[in-house]
N, C-alpha and C. Protein backbone atom coordinates (compact mmCIF):
# COMPACT_ATOMS: atom_id res chain seq x y z
N MET A 1 9.87 105.17 -108.98
CA MET A 1 9.95 106.10 -110.10
C MET A 1 8.89 105.71 -111.12
N SER A 2 8.27 106.70 -111.70
CA SER A 2 7.20 106.43 -112.65
C SER A 2 7.74 105.77 -113.92
N ILE A 3 6.86 105.06 -114.58
CA ILE A 3 7.21 104.39 -115.84
C ILE A 3 7.65 105.42 -116.87
N GLU A 4 6.92 106.53 -116.94
CA GLU A 4 7.24 107.56 -117.93
C GLU A 4 8.65 108.10 -117.72
N SER A 5 9.03 108.31 -116.46
CA SER A 5 10.37 108.84 -116.21
C SER A 5 11.44 107.79 -116.50
N GLN A 6 11.14 106.51 -116.27
CA GLN A 6 12.09 105.46 -116.63
C GLN A 6 12.32 105.46 -118.14
N ILE A 7 11.23 105.55 -118.90
CA ILE A 7 11.34 105.55 -120.36
C ILE A 7 12.17 106.74 -120.82
N GLN A 8 11.89 107.91 -120.26
CA GLN A 8 12.64 109.10 -120.65
C GLN A 8 14.13 108.95 -120.34
N GLU A 9 14.44 108.46 -119.15
CA GLU A 9 15.84 108.26 -118.76
C GLU A 9 16.51 107.23 -119.68
N LEU A 10 15.78 106.16 -120.04
CA LEU A 10 16.36 105.14 -120.92
C LEU A 10 16.61 105.70 -122.32
N LYS A 11 15.71 106.52 -122.82
CA LYS A 11 15.91 107.13 -124.14
C LYS A 11 17.12 108.05 -124.13
N GLU A 12 17.26 108.83 -123.07
CA GLU A 12 18.43 109.72 -122.95
C GLU A 12 19.72 108.90 -122.85
N PHE A 13 19.67 107.83 -122.07
CA PHE A 13 20.84 106.95 -121.94
C PHE A 13 21.20 106.32 -123.28
N ALA A 14 20.18 105.85 -124.01
CA ALA A 14 20.41 105.25 -125.33
C ALA A 14 21.04 106.25 -126.29
N ALA A 15 20.57 107.48 -126.27
CA ALA A 15 21.14 108.51 -127.15
C ALA A 15 22.60 108.78 -126.78
N LYS A 16 22.87 108.90 -125.49
CA LYS A 16 24.23 109.16 -125.02
C LYS A 16 25.18 108.01 -125.39
N GLU A 17 24.70 106.78 -125.29
CA GLU A 17 25.51 105.60 -125.59
C GLU A 17 25.48 105.22 -127.07
N LYS A 18 24.70 105.99 -127.87
CA LYS A 18 24.55 105.72 -129.31
C LYS A 18 24.01 104.32 -129.57
N LEU A 19 22.92 103.98 -128.87
CA LEU A 19 22.26 102.69 -129.02
C LEU A 19 21.01 102.87 -129.89
N GLU A 20 20.84 101.99 -130.84
CA GLU A 20 19.65 102.03 -131.69
C GLU A 20 18.56 101.19 -131.03
N ILE A 21 17.44 101.81 -130.73
CA ILE A 21 16.30 101.11 -130.13
C ILE A 21 15.50 100.48 -131.27
N VAL A 22 15.35 99.16 -131.25
CA VAL A 22 14.61 98.49 -132.32
C VAL A 22 13.20 98.09 -131.88
N ALA A 23 12.94 98.07 -130.58
CA ALA A 23 11.60 97.77 -130.08
C ALA A 23 11.52 98.19 -128.62
N SER A 24 10.32 98.51 -128.19
CA SER A 24 10.05 98.83 -126.80
C SER A 24 8.88 97.98 -126.35
N LEU A 25 9.11 97.18 -125.32
CA LEU A 25 8.07 96.27 -124.84
C LEU A 25 7.73 96.59 -123.39
N CYS A 26 6.43 96.61 -123.09
CA CYS A 26 5.95 96.84 -121.72
C CYS A 26 5.34 95.55 -121.19
N GLU A 27 5.67 95.24 -119.96
CA GLU A 27 5.14 94.04 -119.32
C GLU A 27 4.35 94.45 -118.09
N ALA A 28 3.06 94.14 -118.06
CA ALA A 28 2.22 94.49 -116.93
C ALA A 28 2.20 93.39 -115.87
N GLN A 29 2.61 92.19 -116.23
CA GLN A 29 2.59 91.06 -115.29
C GLN A 29 3.81 91.13 -114.38
N THR A 30 3.64 90.72 -113.14
CA THR A 30 4.75 90.74 -112.20
C THR A 30 5.89 89.82 -112.66
N ALA A 31 7.10 90.23 -112.34
CA ALA A 31 8.28 89.43 -112.70
C ALA A 31 8.58 88.37 -111.64
N LYS A 32 7.73 88.26 -110.61
CA LYS A 32 7.96 87.27 -109.55
C LYS A 32 7.77 85.85 -110.07
N GLU A 33 6.83 85.66 -110.98
CA GLU A 33 6.53 84.33 -111.52
C GLU A 33 6.97 84.24 -112.98
N PRO A 34 7.50 83.09 -113.39
CA PRO A 34 7.83 82.92 -114.82
C PRO A 34 6.55 82.80 -115.66
N GLY A 35 6.70 82.97 -116.97
CA GLY A 35 5.57 82.81 -117.86
C GLY A 35 5.01 84.12 -118.39
N ARG A 36 5.78 85.20 -118.29
CA ARG A 36 5.31 86.49 -118.79
C ARG A 36 5.35 86.51 -120.31
N MET A 37 4.26 86.94 -120.92
CA MET A 37 4.15 86.92 -122.39
C MET A 37 5.12 87.90 -123.05
N LYS A 38 5.21 89.12 -122.55
CA LYS A 38 6.10 90.11 -123.17
C LYS A 38 7.56 89.74 -122.95
N PHE A 39 7.86 89.13 -121.81
CA PHE A 39 9.22 88.66 -121.57
C PHE A 39 9.58 87.59 -122.60
N ALA A 40 8.66 86.66 -122.85
CA ALA A 40 8.89 85.63 -123.86
C ALA A 40 9.05 86.26 -125.25
N GLU A 41 8.27 87.29 -125.54
CA GLU A 41 8.40 87.99 -126.82
C GLU A 41 9.77 88.64 -126.94
N MET A 42 10.24 89.23 -125.84
CA MET A 42 11.56 89.86 -125.84
C MET A 42 12.64 88.81 -126.10
N LEU A 43 12.55 87.66 -125.43
CA LEU A 43 13.55 86.61 -125.64
C LEU A 43 13.50 86.10 -127.08
N SER A 44 12.31 85.98 -127.65
CA SER A 44 12.17 85.56 -129.04
C SER A 44 12.84 86.56 -129.99
N PHE A 45 12.67 87.83 -129.70
CA PHE A 45 13.31 88.90 -130.47
C PHE A 45 14.83 88.70 -130.48
N LEU A 46 15.37 88.41 -129.31
CA LEU A 46 16.82 88.23 -129.16
C LEU A 46 17.29 86.94 -129.83
N GLU A 47 16.56 85.85 -129.62
CA GLU A 47 16.95 84.56 -130.19
C GLU A 47 16.92 84.57 -131.71
N SER A 48 16.02 85.37 -132.29
CA SER A 48 15.92 85.43 -133.75
C SER A 48 16.92 86.41 -134.36
N GLY A 49 17.67 87.11 -133.53
CA GLY A 49 18.67 88.04 -134.05
C GLY A 49 18.15 89.41 -134.43
N LYS A 50 16.90 89.71 -134.05
CA LYS A 50 16.34 91.03 -134.37
C LYS A 50 16.90 92.12 -133.46
N ALA A 51 17.51 91.72 -132.37
CA ALA A 51 18.16 92.65 -131.45
C ALA A 51 19.37 91.97 -130.85
N ASP A 52 20.32 92.77 -130.40
CA ASP A 52 21.56 92.22 -129.84
C ASP A 52 21.64 92.32 -128.33
N GLY A 53 20.78 93.14 -127.73
CA GLY A 53 20.89 93.32 -126.29
C GLY A 53 19.65 93.92 -125.70
N ILE A 54 19.71 94.13 -124.40
CA ILE A 54 18.58 94.67 -123.65
C ILE A 54 19.03 95.93 -122.92
N LEU A 55 18.21 96.94 -123.00
CA LEU A 55 18.38 98.15 -122.22
C LEU A 55 17.22 98.21 -121.24
N SER A 56 17.53 98.25 -119.95
CA SER A 56 16.49 98.28 -118.92
C SER A 56 16.95 99.18 -117.79
N TRP A 57 16.03 99.70 -117.02
CA TRP A 57 16.38 100.61 -115.93
C TRP A 57 17.27 99.92 -114.91
N ASN A 58 16.96 98.67 -114.59
CA ASN A 58 17.63 97.96 -113.51
C ASN A 58 17.48 96.46 -113.76
N PRO A 59 18.42 95.63 -113.35
CA PRO A 59 18.25 94.18 -113.54
C PRO A 59 16.96 93.64 -112.91
N ASP A 60 16.49 94.26 -111.82
CA ASP A 60 15.27 93.74 -111.20
C ASP A 60 14.03 93.99 -112.05
N ARG A 61 14.13 94.80 -113.08
CA ARG A 61 13.03 94.98 -114.03
C ARG A 61 12.93 93.77 -114.96
N LEU A 62 14.01 93.02 -115.09
CA LEU A 62 14.04 91.88 -116.01
C LEU A 62 13.63 90.58 -115.34
N ALA A 63 14.15 90.33 -114.14
CA ALA A 63 13.91 89.03 -113.52
C ALA A 63 13.85 89.14 -112.01
N ARG A 64 12.78 88.58 -111.46
CA ARG A 64 12.65 88.44 -110.01
C ARG A 64 12.34 86.99 -109.68
N ASN A 65 12.67 86.11 -110.62
CA ASN A 65 12.55 84.67 -110.38
C ASN A 65 13.73 83.99 -111.05
N SER A 66 14.06 82.80 -110.59
CA SER A 66 15.28 82.13 -111.04
C SER A 66 15.21 81.66 -112.49
N ILE A 67 14.03 81.36 -112.99
CA ILE A 67 13.92 80.87 -114.37
C ILE A 67 14.22 82.00 -115.36
N ASP A 68 13.58 83.15 -115.18
CA ASP A 68 13.81 84.27 -116.10
C ASP A 68 15.26 84.74 -116.05
N GLY A 69 15.81 84.85 -114.85
CA GLY A 69 17.21 85.24 -114.72
C GLY A 69 18.13 84.25 -115.39
N GLY A 70 17.84 82.96 -115.20
CA GLY A 70 18.64 81.91 -115.84
C GLY A 70 18.57 81.97 -117.35
N GLN A 71 17.39 82.29 -117.89
CA GLN A 71 17.25 82.38 -119.35
C GLN A 71 18.11 83.51 -119.90
N ILE A 72 18.12 84.64 -119.21
CA ILE A 72 18.93 85.77 -119.68
C ILE A 72 20.41 85.41 -119.65
N ILE A 73 20.85 84.81 -118.57
CA ILE A 73 22.26 84.43 -118.46
C ILE A 73 22.62 83.37 -119.50
N TYR A 74 21.71 82.43 -119.76
CA TYR A 74 21.96 81.41 -120.78
C TYR A 74 22.11 82.05 -122.16
N LEU A 75 21.25 83.02 -122.47
CA LEU A 75 21.35 83.70 -123.77
C LEU A 75 22.62 84.52 -123.87
N LEU A 76 23.11 85.02 -122.77
CA LEU A 76 24.43 85.67 -122.77
C LEU A 76 25.51 84.64 -123.05
N ASP A 77 25.42 83.47 -122.40
CA ASP A 77 26.40 82.40 -122.60
C ASP A 77 26.46 81.93 -124.05
N THR A 78 25.30 81.86 -124.70
CA THR A 78 25.25 81.34 -126.07
C THR A 78 25.47 82.43 -127.12
N GLY A 79 25.60 83.69 -126.68
CA GLY A 79 25.86 84.78 -127.62
C GLY A 79 24.61 85.36 -128.26
N LYS A 80 23.43 84.88 -127.89
CA LYS A 80 22.19 85.44 -128.43
C LYS A 80 21.96 86.86 -127.90
N ILE A 81 22.39 87.09 -126.66
CA ILE A 81 22.41 88.44 -126.11
C ILE A 81 23.87 88.85 -126.06
N LYS A 82 24.19 89.94 -126.73
CA LYS A 82 25.57 90.42 -126.76
C LYS A 82 25.91 91.26 -125.53
N ASP A 83 24.92 92.04 -125.08
CA ASP A 83 25.20 92.93 -123.96
C ASP A 83 23.89 93.36 -123.30
N LEU A 84 24.00 93.81 -122.07
CA LEU A 84 22.90 94.40 -121.31
C LEU A 84 23.36 95.79 -120.90
N LYS A 85 22.47 96.74 -120.96
CA LYS A 85 22.78 98.11 -120.55
C LYS A 85 21.76 98.57 -119.53
N PHE A 86 22.27 99.16 -118.45
CA PHE A 86 21.45 99.70 -117.37
C PHE A 86 22.03 101.06 -116.98
N PRO A 87 21.22 102.12 -116.95
CA PRO A 87 21.74 103.40 -116.48
C PRO A 87 22.17 103.36 -115.02
N THR A 88 21.60 102.44 -114.26
CA THR A 88 21.84 102.38 -112.82
C THR A 88 22.86 101.34 -112.39
N HIS A 89 23.27 100.45 -113.30
CA HIS A 89 24.19 99.37 -112.95
C HIS A 89 25.21 99.17 -114.05
N TRP A 90 26.34 98.64 -113.65
CA TRP A 90 27.39 98.29 -114.59
C TRP A 90 27.23 96.82 -114.93
N PHE A 91 27.40 96.47 -116.21
CA PHE A 91 27.41 95.06 -116.63
C PHE A 91 28.43 94.90 -117.74
N GLU A 92 29.18 93.82 -117.67
CA GLU A 92 30.12 93.45 -118.72
C GLU A 92 29.91 91.96 -118.99
N ASN A 93 29.85 91.59 -120.27
CA ASN A 93 29.58 90.20 -120.64
C ASN A 93 30.86 89.36 -120.48
N THR A 94 31.22 89.15 -119.25
CA THR A 94 32.38 88.34 -118.87
C THR A 94 31.91 87.37 -117.79
N PRO A 95 32.72 86.37 -117.45
CA PRO A 95 32.31 85.49 -116.35
C PRO A 95 31.99 86.26 -115.07
N GLN A 96 32.81 87.24 -114.74
CA GLN A 96 32.56 88.02 -113.53
C GLN A 96 31.27 88.85 -113.67
N GLY A 97 31.07 89.43 -114.84
CA GLY A 97 29.85 90.22 -115.07
C GLY A 97 28.60 89.38 -114.95
N LYS A 98 28.61 88.17 -115.52
CA LYS A 98 27.45 87.28 -115.42
C LYS A 98 27.24 86.80 -113.99
N PHE A 99 28.33 86.60 -113.27
CA PHE A 99 28.22 86.22 -111.86
C PHE A 99 27.54 87.34 -111.07
N MET A 100 27.97 88.59 -111.29
CA MET A 100 27.38 89.72 -110.59
C MET A 100 25.91 89.94 -111.00
N LEU A 101 25.60 89.70 -112.27
CA LEU A 101 24.21 89.79 -112.73
C LEU A 101 23.35 88.74 -112.03
N ASN A 102 23.90 87.54 -111.89
CA ASN A 102 23.18 86.47 -111.20
C ASN A 102 22.91 86.87 -109.74
N ILE A 103 23.86 87.53 -109.12
CA ILE A 103 23.67 88.01 -107.75
C ILE A 103 22.56 89.07 -107.72
N ALA A 104 22.56 89.99 -108.70
CA ALA A 104 21.51 91.02 -108.77
C ALA A 104 20.14 90.37 -108.94
N PHE A 105 20.05 89.35 -109.80
CA PHE A 105 18.78 88.65 -109.97
C PHE A 105 18.39 87.94 -108.67
N GLY A 106 19.36 87.35 -107.99
CA GLY A 106 19.09 86.69 -106.71
C GLY A 106 18.60 87.69 -105.66
N GLN A 107 19.18 88.88 -105.64
CA GLN A 107 18.72 89.91 -104.70
C GLN A 107 17.28 90.32 -105.01
N SER A 108 16.95 90.40 -106.28
CA SER A 108 15.59 90.75 -106.68
C SER A 108 14.60 89.69 -106.22
N LYS A 109 14.98 88.43 -106.38
CA LYS A 109 14.12 87.33 -105.93
C LYS A 109 13.97 87.37 -104.41
N TYR A 110 15.07 87.57 -103.71
CA TYR A 110 15.02 87.65 -102.26
C TYR A 110 14.11 88.80 -101.82
N TYR A 111 14.19 89.94 -102.48
CA TYR A 111 13.38 91.09 -102.13
C TYR A 111 11.89 90.77 -102.20
N VAL A 112 11.43 90.18 -103.32
CA VAL A 112 9.99 89.90 -103.45
C VAL A 112 9.55 88.79 -102.51
N ASP A 113 10.40 87.77 -102.33
CA ASP A 113 10.05 86.70 -101.40
C ASP A 113 9.97 87.22 -99.96
N ASN A 114 10.93 88.03 -99.56
CA ASN A 114 10.97 88.58 -98.21
C ASN A 114 9.82 89.56 -97.99
N LEU A 115 9.51 90.36 -99.00
CA LEU A 115 8.40 91.31 -98.89
C LEU A 115 7.09 90.56 -98.65
N SER A 116 6.90 89.45 -99.34
CA SER A 116 5.71 88.64 -99.17
C SER A 116 5.59 88.14 -97.72
N GLU A 117 6.70 87.66 -97.18
CA GLU A 117 6.69 87.19 -95.79
C GLU A 117 6.41 88.32 -94.82
N ASN A 118 7.03 89.47 -95.05
CA ASN A 118 6.83 90.60 -94.14
C ASN A 118 5.39 91.11 -94.17
N ILE A 119 4.77 91.08 -95.33
CA ILE A 119 3.38 91.53 -95.44
C ILE A 119 2.46 90.57 -94.70
N LYS A 120 2.73 89.29 -94.76
CA LYS A 120 1.90 88.30 -94.05
C LYS A 120 2.04 88.42 -92.54
N ARG A 121 3.15 88.95 -92.07
CA ARG A 121 3.40 89.06 -90.64
C ARG A 121 2.41 90.03 -89.98
N GLY A 122 2.03 91.10 -90.68
CA GLY A 122 1.12 92.10 -90.12
C GLY A 122 -0.21 91.52 -89.67
N PRO A 123 -0.93 90.80 -90.55
CA PRO A 123 -2.20 90.20 -90.11
C PRO A 123 -2.02 89.19 -88.97
N ARG A 124 -0.93 88.43 -88.97
CA ARG A 124 -0.69 87.47 -87.88
C ARG A 124 -0.52 88.21 -86.55
N ALA A 125 0.19 89.33 -86.59
CA ALA A 125 0.39 90.12 -85.37
C ALA A 125 -0.94 90.68 -84.87
N LYS A 126 -1.82 91.12 -85.77
CA LYS A 126 -3.13 91.61 -85.37
C LYS A 126 -3.95 90.50 -84.71
N LEU A 127 -3.89 89.30 -85.29
CA LEU A 127 -4.64 88.17 -84.71
C LEU A 127 -4.15 87.87 -83.29
N ARG A 128 -2.85 87.91 -83.08
CA ARG A 128 -2.30 87.65 -81.75
C ARG A 128 -2.82 88.66 -80.73
N LYS A 129 -3.09 89.88 -81.17
CA LYS A 129 -3.60 90.92 -80.28
C LYS A 129 -5.12 90.89 -80.18
N GLY A 130 -5.77 89.93 -80.85
CA GLY A 130 -7.22 89.82 -80.79
C GLY A 130 -7.94 90.72 -81.78
N ILE A 131 -7.20 91.29 -82.71
CA ILE A 131 -7.80 92.17 -83.73
C ILE A 131 -7.98 91.36 -85.01
N TRP A 132 -9.19 91.37 -85.52
CA TRP A 132 -9.44 90.65 -86.77
C TRP A 132 -8.84 91.46 -87.92
N PRO A 133 -7.88 90.87 -88.65
CA PRO A 133 -7.25 91.64 -89.73
C PRO A 133 -8.22 91.90 -90.87
N SER A 134 -8.11 93.07 -91.44
CA SER A 134 -8.90 93.40 -92.63
C SER A 134 -7.95 93.94 -93.68
N PHE A 135 -8.39 93.92 -94.89
CA PHE A 135 -7.55 94.36 -95.99
C PHE A 135 -8.14 95.61 -96.61
N ALA A 136 -7.30 96.49 -97.06
CA ALA A 136 -7.74 97.75 -97.65
C ALA A 136 -8.59 97.50 -98.89
N GLN A 137 -9.59 98.35 -99.07
CA GLN A 137 -10.42 98.26 -100.24
C GLN A 137 -9.64 98.70 -101.47
N ARG A 138 -9.84 98.04 -102.59
CA ARG A 138 -9.14 98.37 -103.83
C ARG A 138 -9.97 99.41 -104.59
N GLN A 139 -9.77 100.66 -104.24
CA GLN A 139 -10.50 101.74 -104.88
C GLN A 139 -9.54 102.80 -105.42
N CYS A 140 -8.41 102.38 -105.90
CA CYS A 140 -7.44 103.38 -106.34
C CYS A 140 -7.68 103.76 -107.79
N SER A 141 -7.46 105.04 -108.06
CA SER A 141 -7.61 105.52 -109.42
C SER A 141 -6.25 105.81 -110.05
N CYS A 142 -5.19 105.75 -109.23
CA CYS A 142 -3.85 106.03 -109.74
C CYS A 142 -3.13 104.72 -110.01
N SER A 143 -2.52 104.60 -111.18
CA SER A 143 -1.89 103.34 -111.54
C SER A 143 -0.76 102.96 -110.59
N PHE A 144 -0.10 103.95 -109.97
CA PHE A 144 1.01 103.60 -109.11
C PHE A 144 0.56 103.01 -107.78
N LEU A 145 -0.73 103.03 -107.49
CA LEU A 145 -1.23 102.42 -106.26
C LEU A 145 -1.71 100.99 -106.46
N CYS A 146 -2.00 100.60 -107.69
CA CYS A 146 -2.54 99.27 -107.95
C CYS A 146 -1.43 98.37 -108.51
N PRO A 147 -1.00 97.35 -107.76
CA PRO A 147 0.09 96.50 -108.24
C PRO A 147 -0.18 95.87 -109.60
N GLU A 148 -1.44 95.58 -109.92
CA GLU A 148 -1.71 94.95 -111.22
C GLU A 148 -1.48 95.91 -112.37
N ASN A 149 -1.31 97.21 -112.07
CA ASN A 149 -1.06 98.19 -113.13
C ASN A 149 0.42 98.48 -113.30
N PHE A 150 1.28 97.88 -112.48
CA PHE A 150 2.72 98.11 -112.63
C PHE A 150 3.17 97.56 -113.97
N GLU A 151 4.10 98.24 -114.60
CA GLU A 151 4.62 97.80 -115.88
C GLU A 151 6.14 97.84 -115.85
N LYS A 152 6.73 96.94 -116.59
CA LYS A 152 8.17 96.94 -116.78
C LYS A 152 8.43 97.23 -118.24
N HIS A 153 9.50 97.92 -118.52
CA HIS A 153 9.82 98.26 -119.90
C HIS A 153 11.11 97.60 -120.31
N PHE A 154 11.06 96.99 -121.45
CA PHE A 154 12.24 96.39 -122.04
C PHE A 154 12.49 97.10 -123.35
N LEU A 155 13.64 97.69 -123.46
CA LEU A 155 14.01 98.34 -124.71
C LEU A 155 15.13 97.51 -125.32
N LEU A 156 14.92 97.07 -126.51
CA LEU A 156 15.90 96.24 -127.20
C LEU A 156 16.69 97.10 -128.16
N TRP A 157 17.96 96.84 -128.26
CA TRP A 157 18.78 97.67 -129.14
C TRP A 157 19.78 96.82 -129.91
N ASN A 158 20.17 97.33 -131.07
CA ASN A 158 21.19 96.70 -131.90
C ASN A 158 22.49 97.48 -131.77
N PHE A 159 23.61 96.81 -131.98
CA PHE A 159 24.91 97.49 -131.97
C PHE A 159 25.08 98.24 -133.28
């Protein structure tokens, strides 16, 4: 789904749920590795009390690595994050809710790790058949074709 449609759906969801959006942050860096600047900015926003929660399309938009997922769960534990809202998933800030969120983050990590392995399998299979693997030329003009142009949106809201 396009970024624009995610934003529109999140705005409609926020209006329906009567959530005040205090900031909207876009992250162009992949969530597979920790160290994302906008993610750190979002956490700083929450830790300083400028926002009470996160509104995102899906938990996999927030974390696809164990460190980022752990940080979110820790901030829930300490009360810095009061709640998470997803139009596509249910979340409740309870022990069971955090357990299920941890599973969702784990599934996200498994997805990217497994995808990486599956992609590497193709060139190995070509080599076994005597075909020298080649990689597609990066000549895309559409942002949805270039992985480095993917963006994640974090909308922060106050109660």
